C-alpha atoms as a PDB file:
ATOM      1  CA  UNK A   1     106.921 112.702 103.930  1.00  0.00           C
ATOM      2  CA  UNK A   2     103.173 112.936 103.379  1.00  0.00           C
ATOM      3  CA  UNK A   3     102.347 110.803 106.435  1.00  0.00           C
ATOM      4  CA  UNK A   4     104.744 112.442 108.887  1.00  0.00           C
ATOM      5  CA  UNK A   5     103.536 112.128 112.461  1.00  0.00           C
ATOM      6  CA  UNK A   6     100.558 109.903 111.661  1.00  0.00           C
ATOM      7  CA  UNK A   7      99.742 106.608 113.376  1.00  0.00           C
ATOM      8  CA  UNK A   8      98.613 104.033 110.811  1.00  0.00           C
ATOM      9  CA  UNK A   9      97.241 100.513 111.294  1.00  0.00           C
ATOM     10  CA  UNK A  10      97.620  98.175 108.321  1.00  0.00           C
ATOM     11  CA  UNK A  11      95.920  94.776 108.348  1.00  0.00           C
ATOM     12  CA  UNK A  12      97.809  92.024 106.540  1.00  0.00           C
ATOM     13  CA  UNK A  13     100.767  94.382 106.762  1.00  0.00           C
ATOM     14  CA  UNK A  14     103.475  91.724 106.757  1.00  0.00           C
ATOM     15  CA  UNK A  15     103.552  90.768 103.082  1.00  0.00           C
ATOM     16  CA  UNK A  16     102.093  91.372  99.636  1.00  0.00           C
ATOM     17  CA  UNK A  17     100.371  94.714  99.076  1.00  0.00           C
ATOM     18  CA  UNK A  18     100.158  95.198 102.846  1.00  0.00           C
ATOM     19  CA  UNK A  19     103.885  94.626 103.260  1.00  0.00           C
ATOM     20  CA  UNK A  20     104.658  97.168 100.552  1.00  0.00           C
ATOM     21  CA  UNK A  21     102.272  99.620 102.219  1.00  0.00           C
ATOM     22  CA  UNK A  22     103.881  99.102 105.647  1.00  0.00           C
ATOM     23  CA  UNK A  23     107.296  99.959 104.208  1.00  0.00           C
ATOM     24  CA  UNK A  24     106.052 102.960 102.230  1.00  0.00           C
ATOM     25  CA  UNK A  25     103.915 104.387 105.034  1.00  0.00           C
ATOM     26  CA  UNK A  26     106.922 104.253 107.371  1.00  0.00           C
ATOM     27  CA  UNK A  27     109.154 105.833 104.715  1.00  0.00           C
ATOM     28  CA  UNK A  28     106.580 108.615 104.396  1.00  0.00           C
ATOM     29  CA  UNK A  29     106.855 109.315 108.138  1.00  0.00           C
ATOM     30  CA  UNK A  30     104.079 107.255 109.748  1.00  0.00           C
ATOM     31  CA  UNK A  31     104.379 105.014 112.773  1.00  0.00           C
ATOM     32  CA  UNK A  32     102.971 101.742 111.452  1.00  0.00           C
ATOM     33  CA  UNK A  33     101.062  99.174 113.480  1.00  0.00           C
ATOM     34  CA  UNK A  34     101.375  95.963 111.485  1.00  0.00           C
ATOM     35  CA  UNK A  35      98.277  93.864 112.168  1.00  0.00           C
ATOM     36  CA  UNK A  36      99.219  90.484 110.745  1.00  0.00           C
ATOM     37  CA  UNK A  37      98.115  86.889 111.455  1.00  0.00           C
ATOM     38  CA  UNK A  38     101.527  85.438 110.475  1.00  0.00           C
ATOM     39  CA  UNK A  39     104.056  86.186 113.227  1.00  0.00           C
ATOM     40  CA  UNK A  40     107.064  85.488 111.023  1.00  0.00           C
ATOM     41  CA  UNK A  41     106.140  87.959 108.285  1.00  0.00           C
ATOM     42  CA  UNK A  42     104.806  90.519 110.751  1.00  0.00           C
ATOM     43  CA  UNK A  43     107.925  90.531 112.896  1.00  0.00           C
ATOM     44  CA  UNK A  44     110.209  90.476 109.867  1.00  0.00           C
ATOM     45  CA  UNK A  45     108.495  93.497 108.338  1.00  0.00           C
ATOM     46  CA  UNK A  46     108.702  95.447 111.605  1.00  0.00           C
ATOM     47  CA  UNK A  47     112.457  94.680 111.839  1.00  0.00           C
ATOM     48  CA  UNK A  48     112.970  95.648 108.207  1.00  0.00           C
ATOM     49  CA  UNK A  49     111.308  99.015 108.762  1.00  0.00           C
ATOM     50  CA  UNK A  50     113.303  99.643 111.952  1.00  0.00           C
ATOM     51  CA  UNK A  51     116.564  98.765 110.183  1.00  0.00           C
ATOM     52  CA  UNK A  52     115.673 101.310 107.494  1.00  0.00           C
ATOM     53  CA  UNK A  53     115.182 104.000 110.142  1.00  0.00           C
ATOM     54  CA  UNK A  54     111.397 103.873 110.257  1.00  0.00           C
ATOM     55  CA  UNK A  55     108.941 103.283 113.080  1.00  0.00           C
ATOM     56  CA  UNK A  56     106.748 100.178 113.221  1.00  0.00           C
ATOM     57  CA  UNK A  57     105.512  97.527 115.611  1.00  0.00           C
ATOM     58  CA  UNK A  58     103.839  94.178 115.080  1.00  0.00           C
ATOM     59  CA  UNK A  59     100.599  92.973 116.691  1.00  0.00           C
ATOM     60  CA  UNK A  60      99.580  89.401 115.951  1.00  0.00           C
ATOM     61  CA  UNK A  61      95.961  89.816 114.739  1.00  0.00           C
ATOM     62  CA  UNK A  62      93.443  87.469 113.153  1.00  0.00           C
ATOM     63  CA  UNK A  63      90.994  89.939 111.638  1.00  0.00           C
ATOM     64  CA  UNK A  64      88.247  87.298 111.621  1.00  0.00           C
ATOM     65  CA  UNK A  65      88.422  87.184 115.431  1.00  0.00           C
ATOM     66  CA  UNK A  66      86.723  90.163 117.108  1.00  0.00           C
ATOM     67  CA  UNK A  67      88.647  89.622 120.351  1.00  0.00           C
ATOM     68  CA  UNK A  68      91.948  89.806 118.480  1.00  0.00           C
ATOM     69  CA  UNK A  69      90.889  92.982 116.708  1.00  0.00           C
ATOM     70  CA  UNK A  70      89.627  94.695 119.847  1.00  0.00           C
ATOM     71  CA  UNK A  71      92.872  93.842 121.663  1.00  0.00           C
ATOM     72  CA  UNK A  72      94.947  95.155 118.764  1.00  0.00           C
ATOM     73  CA  UNK A  73      93.356  98.589 118.814  1.00  0.00           C
ATOM     74  CA  UNK A  74      93.521  98.708 122.593  1.00  0.00           C
ATOM     75  CA  UNK A  75      97.278  98.134 122.282  1.00  0.00           C
ATOM     76  CA  UNK A  76      97.579 100.850 119.647  1.00  0.00           C
ATOM     77  CA  UNK A  77      95.769 103.188 122.031  1.00  0.00           C
ATOM     78  CA  UNK A  78      98.112 102.252 124.903  1.00  0.00           C
ATOM     79  CA  UNK A  79     101.262 102.628 122.812  1.00  0.00           C
ATOM     80  CA  UNK A  80     100.372 105.657 120.712  1.00  0.00           C
ATOM     81  CA  UNK A  81      97.328 107.295 122.283  1.00  0.00           C
ATOM     82  CA  UNK A  82      95.778 107.992 118.890  1.00  0.00           C
ATOM     83  CA  UNK A  83      95.035 106.564 115.444  1.00  0.00           C
ATOM     84  CA  UNK A  84      95.017 108.527 112.203  1.00  0.00           C
ATOM     85  CA  UNK A  85      94.834 105.870 109.486  1.00  0.00           C
ATOM     86  CA  UNK A  86      93.220 102.459 109.124  1.00  0.00           C
ATOM     87  CA  UNK A  87      94.146 100.501 105.995  1.00  0.00           C
ATOM     88  CA  UNK A  88      91.886  97.463 105.752  1.00  0.00           C
ATOM     89  CA  UNK A  89      94.113  95.468 103.424  1.00  0.00           C
ATOM     90  CA  UNK A  90      93.866  91.886 104.731  1.00  0.00           C
ATOM     91  CA  UNK A  91      91.764  89.471 102.691  1.00  0.00           C
ATOM     92  CA  UNK A  92      91.820  85.946 101.366  1.00  0.00           C
ATOM     93  CA  UNK A  93      91.017  84.267  98.044  1.00  0.00           C
ATOM     94  CA  UNK A  94      90.419  80.516  98.305  1.00  0.00           C
ATOM     95  CA  UNK A  95      90.744  79.622  94.668  1.00  0.00           C
ATOM     96  CA  UNK A  96      90.576  75.873  95.151  1.00  0.00           C
ATOM     97  CA  UNK A  97      87.396  76.091  97.227  1.00  0.00           C
ATOM     98  CA  UNK A  98      85.483  79.230  96.278  1.00  0.00           C
ATOM     99  CA  UNK A  99      82.843  78.594  93.640  1.00  0.00           C
ATOM    100  CA  UNK A 100      79.373  79.509  92.402  1.00  0.00           C
ATOM    101  CA  UNK A 101      76.700  79.481  95.116  1.00  0.00           C
ATOM    102  CA  UNK A 102      75.260  76.116  94.135  1.00  0.00           C
ATOM    103  CA  UNK A 103      78.671  74.445  94.467  1.00  0.00           C
ATOM    104  CA  UNK A 104      80.453  76.212  97.308  1.00  0.00           C
ATOM    105  CA  UNK A 105      80.489  74.651 100.765  1.00  0.00           C
ATOM    106  CA  UNK A 106      79.005  76.461 103.732  1.00  0.00           C
ATOM    107  CA  UNK A 107      82.400  76.288 105.468  1.00  0.00           C
ATOM    108  CA  UNK A 108      84.179  78.089 102.617  1.00  0.00           C
ATOM    109  CA  UNK A 109      81.456  80.698 102.316  1.00  0.00           C
ATOM    110  CA  UNK A 110      81.654  81.494 106.030  1.00  0.00           C
ATOM    111  CA  UNK A 111      85.467  81.520 106.142  1.00  0.00           C
ATOM    112  CA  UNK A 112      85.809  83.994 103.277  1.00  0.00           C
ATOM    113  CA  UNK A 113      83.128  86.279 104.699  1.00  0.00           C
ATOM    114  CA  UNK A 114      84.648  86.240 108.166  1.00  0.00           C
ATOM    115  CA  UNK A 115      88.058  87.339 106.920  1.00  0.00           C
ATOM    116  CA  UNK A 116      87.159  89.644 104.043  1.00  0.00           C
ATOM    117  CA  UNK A 117      83.987  91.306 105.347  1.00  0.00           C
ATOM    118  CA  UNK A 118      83.687  90.681 109.062  1.00  0.00           C
ATOM    119  CA  UNK A 119      87.366  91.646 109.359  1.00  0.00           C
ATOM    120  CA  UNK A 120      86.673  95.056 107.826  1.00  0.00           C
ATOM    121  CA  UNK A 121      83.682  95.496 110.122  1.00  0.00           C
ATOM    122  CA  UNK A 122      85.615  94.516 113.266  1.00  0.00           C
ATOM    123  CA  UNK A 123      88.503  96.836 112.451  1.00  0.00           C
ATOM    124  CA  UNK A 124      86.238  99.766 111.704  1.00  0.00           C
ATOM    125  CA  UNK A 125      84.164  99.106 114.833  1.00  0.00           C
ATOM    126  CA  UNK A 126      87.169  99.308 117.137  1.00  0.00           C
ATOM    127  CA  UNK A 127      89.285 101.810 115.194  1.00  0.00           C
ATOM    128  CA  UNK A 128      86.695 104.517 114.519  1.00  0.00           C
ATOM    129  CA  UNK A 129      86.126 105.542 118.174  1.00  0.00           C
ATOM    130  CA  UNK A 130      89.900 105.941 118.528  1.00  0.00           C
ATOM    131  CA  UNK A 131      90.042 108.002 115.324  1.00  0.00           C
ATOM    132  CA  UNK A 132      87.186 110.236 116.496  1.00  0.00           C
ATOM    133  CA  UNK A 133      89.087 110.887 119.740  1.00  0.00           C
ATOM    134  CA  UNK A 134      92.121 111.728 117.616  1.00  0.00           C
ATOM    135  CA  UNK A 135      90.196 114.389 115.705  1.00  0.00           C
ATOM    136  CA  UNK A 136      89.495 112.413 112.536  1.00  0.00           C
ATOM    137  CA  UNK A 137      91.486 110.447 110.019  1.00  0.00           C
ATOM    138  CA  UNK A 138      91.395 108.256 106.961  1.00  0.00           C
ATOM    139  CA  UNK A 139      90.072 104.734 106.356  1.00  0.00           C
ATOM    140  CA  UNK A 140      91.247 102.935 103.232  1.00  0.00           C
ATOM    141  CA  UNK A 141      89.318  99.762 102.375  1.00  0.00           C
ATOM    142  CA  UNK A 142      90.315  97.087  99.870  1.00  0.00           C
ATOM    143  CA  UNK A 143      87.800  95.767  97.367  1.00  0.00           C
ATOM    144  CA  UNK A 144      88.627  94.198  94.008  1.00  0.00           C
ATOM    145  CA  UNK A 145      87.518  94.187  90.399  1.00  0.00           C
ATOM    146  CA  UNK A 146      85.201  91.444  91.682  1.00  0.00           C
ATOM    147  CA  UNK A 147      83.405  94.110  93.711  1.00  0.00           C
ATOM    148  CA  UNK A 148      82.481  96.215  90.710  1.00  0.00           C
ATOM    149  CA  UNK A 149      81.967  93.703  87.857  1.00  0.00           C
ATOM    150  CA  UNK A 150      80.670  90.155  87.687  1.00  0.00           C
ATOM    151  CA  UNK A 151      83.305  87.422  87.972  1.00  0.00           C
ATOM    152  CA  UNK A 152      82.123  83.796  87.900  1.00  0.00           C
ATOM    153  CA  UNK A 153      83.074  80.875  90.132  1.00  0.00           C
ATOM    154  CA  UNK A 154      84.228  82.893  93.152  1.00  0.00           C
ATOM    155  CA  UNK A 155      80.934  84.007  94.645  1.00  0.00           C
ATOM    156  CA  UNK A 156      82.083  84.251  98.275  1.00  0.00           C
ATOM    157  CA  UNK A 157      85.012  86.484  97.360  1.00  0.00           C
ATOM    158  CA  UNK A 158      82.831  88.576  95.020  1.00  0.00           C
ATOM    159  CA  UNK A 159      80.153  89.002  97.684  1.00  0.00           C
ATOM    160  CA  UNK A 160      82.685  90.288 100.227  1.00  0.00           C
ATOM    161  CA  UNK A 161      84.221  92.768  97.826  1.00  0.00           C
ATOM    162  CA  UNK A 162      80.855  94.114  96.679  1.00  0.00           C
ATOM    163  CA  UNK A 163      79.868  94.526 100.315  1.00  0.00           C
ATOM    164  CA  UNK A 164      83.124  96.364 101.024  1.00  0.00           C
ATOM    165  CA  UNK A 165      82.303  98.849  98.264  1.00  0.00           C
ATOM    166  CA  UNK A 166      78.850  99.496  99.748  1.00  0.00           C
ATOM    167  CA  UNK A 167      80.159  99.706 103.306  1.00  0.00           C
ATOM    168  CA  UNK A 168      82.751 102.249 102.200  1.00  0.00           C
ATOM    169  CA  UNK A 169      80.003 104.511 100.925  1.00  0.00           C
ATOM    170  CA  UNK A 170      77.975 104.196 104.117  1.00  0.00           C
ATOM    171  CA  UNK A 171      80.979 104.904 106.328  1.00  0.00           C
ATOM    172  CA  UNK A 172      81.873 107.942 104.228  1.00  0.00           C
ATOM    173  CA  UNK A 173      78.417 109.422 104.836  1.00  0.00           C
ATOM    174  CA  UNK A 174      78.178 108.385 108.477  1.00  0.00           C
ATOM    175  CA  UNK A 175      81.602 109.463 109.734  1.00  0.00           C
ATOM    176  CA  UNK A 176      82.488 112.278 107.339  1.00  0.00           C
ATOM    177  CA  UNK A 177      81.021 114.789 109.846  1.00  0.00           C
ATOM    178  CA  UNK A 178      83.521 113.436 112.403  1.00  0.00           C
ATOM    179  CA  UNK A 179      86.405 114.244 110.112  1.00  0.00           C
ATOM    180  CA  UNK A 180      86.915 110.620 109.007  1.00  0.00           C
ATOM    181  CA  UNK A 181      87.252 110.067 105.274  1.00  0.00           C
ATOM    182  CA  UNK A 182      86.558 106.537 103.940  1.00  0.00           C
ATOM    183  CA  UNK A 183      87.696 105.503 100.501  1.00  0.00           C
ATOM    184  CA  UNK A 184      88.205 102.199  98.702  1.00  0.00           C
ATOM    185  CA  UNK A 185      90.758 100.756  96.290  1.00  0.00           C
ATOM    186  CA  UNK A 186      89.535  98.078  93.873  1.00  0.00           C
ATOM    187  CA  UNK A 187      92.667  96.446  92.466  1.00  0.00           C
ATOM    188  CA  UNK A 188      92.942  93.888  89.691  1.00  0.00           C
ATOM    189  CA  UNK A 189      95.836  92.035  88.079  1.00  0.00           C
ATOM    190  CA  UNK A 190      98.314  92.920  90.805  1.00  0.00           C
ATOM    191  CA  UNK A 191     101.102  90.336  90.785  1.00  0.00           C
ATOM    192  CA  UNK A 192     100.920  88.913  94.311  1.00  0.00           C
ATOM    193  CA  UNK A 193     100.603  85.484  95.887  1.00  0.00           C
ATOM    194  CA  UNK A 194      96.819  85.924  95.763  1.00  0.00           C
ATOM    195  CA  UNK A 195      96.966  86.359  92.000  1.00  0.00           C
ATOM    196  CA  UNK A 196      99.187  83.312  91.797  1.00  0.00           C
ATOM    197  CA  UNK A 197      96.485  81.403  93.651  1.00  0.00           C
ATOM    198  CA  UNK A 198      93.587  82.777  91.644  1.00  0.00           C
ATOM    199  CA  UNK A 199      95.099  82.851  88.150  1.00  0.00           C
ATOM    200  CA  UNK A 200      98.672  81.768  87.627  1.00  0.00           C
ATOM    201  CA  UNK A 201      98.221  78.330  89.180  1.00  0.00           C
ATOM    202  CA  UNK A 202      95.077  77.704  87.139  1.00  0.00           C
ATOM    203  CA  UNK A 203      95.962  75.530  84.113  1.00  0.00           C
ATOM    204  CA  UNK A 204      93.047  77.112  82.200  1.00  0.00           C
ATOM    205  CA  UNK A 205      94.482  80.616  82.599  1.00  0.00           C
ATOM    206  CA  UNK A 206      96.357  81.902  79.540  1.00  0.00           C
ATOM    207  CA  UNK A 207      98.683  84.585  80.887  1.00  0.00           C
ATOM    208  CA  UNK A 208      99.918  85.726  77.490  1.00  0.00           C
ATOM    209  CA  UNK A 209      96.396  86.169  76.146  1.00  0.00           C
ATOM    210  CA  UNK A 210      95.383  88.016  79.314  1.00  0.00           C
ATOM    211  CA  UNK A 211      98.250  90.454  79.020  1.00  0.00           C
ATOM    212  CA  UNK A 212      97.923  91.055  75.288  1.00  0.00           C
ATOM    213  CA  UNK A 213      94.123  91.087  74.931  1.00  0.00           C
ATOM    214  CA  UNK A 214      92.553  91.542  78.361  1.00  0.00           C
ATOM    215  CA  UNK A 215      94.786  94.221  79.891  1.00  0.00           C
ATOM    216  CA  UNK A 216      94.906  97.703  78.303  1.00  0.00           C
ATOM    217  CA  UNK A 217      98.317  98.472  79.826  1.00  0.00           C
ATOM    218  CA  UNK A 218      99.619  95.057  78.711  1.00  0.00           C
ATOM    219  CA  UNK A 219     101.271  94.271  82.042  1.00  0.00           C
ATOM    220  CA  UNK A 220     100.668  93.214  85.615  1.00  0.00           C
ATOM    221  CA  UNK A 221     100.383  95.830  88.322  1.00  0.00           C
ATOM    222  CA  UNK A 222     102.711  95.781  91.306  1.00  0.00           C
ATOM    223  CA  UNK A 223     102.054  95.867  95.081  1.00  0.00           C
ATOM    224  CA  UNK A 224     104.085  99.070  95.237  1.00  0.00           C
ATOM    225  CA  UNK A 225     101.692 100.823  92.871  1.00  0.00           C
ATOM    226  CA  UNK A 226      98.736  99.990  95.111  1.00  0.00           C
ATOM    227  CA  UNK A 227     100.720 101.003  98.200  1.00  0.00           C
ATOM    228  CA  UNK A 228     101.395 104.426  96.710  1.00  0.00           C
ATOM    229  CA  UNK A 229      97.691 104.912  96.084  1.00  0.00           C
ATOM    230  CA  UNK A 230      96.877 103.828  99.656  1.00  0.00           C
ATOM    231  CA  UNK A 231      99.453 106.278 101.015  1.00  0.00           C
ATOM    232  CA  UNK A 232      97.864 109.089  99.004  1.00  0.00           C
ATOM    233  CA  UNK A 233      94.384 108.225 100.334  1.00  0.00           C
ATOM    234  CA  UNK A 234      95.779 108.014 103.873  1.00  0.00           C
ATOM    235  CA  UNK A 235      97.430 111.417 103.607  1.00  0.00           C
ATOM    236  CA  UNK A 236      96.101 114.959 103.743  1.00  0.00           C
ATOM    237  CA  UNK A 237      96.920 115.211 100.023  1.00  0.00           C
ATOM    238  CA  UNK A 238      93.522 113.529  99.413  1.00  0.00           C
ATOM    239  CA  UNK A 239      91.675 115.688 101.918  1.00  0.00           C
ATOM    240  CA  UNK A 240      88.516 116.134  99.789  1.00  0.00           C
ATOM    241  CA  UNK A 241      88.189 112.517  98.692  1.00  0.00           C
ATOM    242  CA  UNK A 242      85.478 110.697 100.629  1.00  0.00           C
ATOM    243  CA  UNK A 243      83.428 107.707  99.477  1.00  0.00           C
ATOM    244  CA  UNK A 244      85.562 107.206  96.354  1.00  0.00           C
ATOM    245  CA  UNK A 245      85.911 103.751  94.800  1.00  0.00           C
ATOM    246  CA  UNK A 246      89.176 103.803  92.817  1.00  0.00           C
ATOM    247  CA  UNK A 247      89.670 101.030  90.260  1.00  0.00           C
ATOM    248  CA  UNK A 248      93.415 100.385  90.227  1.00  0.00           C
ATOM    249  CA  UNK A 249      93.379  97.842  87.436  1.00  0.00           C
ATOM    250  CA  UNK A 250      95.118  99.317  84.424  1.00  0.00           C
ATOM    251  CA  UNK A 251      91.747  99.697  82.702  1.00  0.00           C
ATOM    252  CA  UNK A 252      90.647  96.054  82.840  1.00  0.00           C
ATOM    253  CA  UNK A 253      87.171  96.702  84.217  1.00  0.00           C
ATOM    254  CA  UNK A 254      86.292  99.323  81.603  1.00  0.00           C
ATOM    255  CA  UNK A 255      86.942  96.989  78.659  1.00  0.00           C
END
């Protein structure tokens, strides 16, 4: 139980990679605050964890809304009195609307930035003071292969993930002296609803060619594999990792 006794906040913790992380963090001994915009998935995940003997509670949170985020961390403070882990997992890919900069609408650009980048900023802004009071902790940010290599026709998404990588490095330097480690996972080819939106529903996407020629491990990754990496980064097992950008992509970005 590598997270025993820790209080962990997971954004987008009701489903996908975040849902897998919520379950695993609780199994590893953490009390999990599920910060999720969808009440149905957030409440269901909290019940599932409780039924399995774990500890979790749901807070309806739109990470693009600073008032929501501030209220969420105030509630965590009231209920738990501390915070040890922040997993900034929530993000959005708008495959039907995101595009290259000359084609994307201003509305889509702003929406993606508000969720994927402003959301990380808001959560860090309100979580870090609570973590400092708690004596330190771990922040795990979520980037993407799009944050470390060039990917065309999704410039808003790519911009947010590149910014998340850079922000991770700044936070690691700024708050390391306070005992807060900040690291980043850059996943690719993880079989989730977001991948379905970005690739599998695209008639131009050849899944067989991707798996046999574009993916060194010749398979999709799973949400559980990313959740295990996040749990490691959240735990004291990774106590000397700070500012790391870990490409969890089966080797795709080194090809």
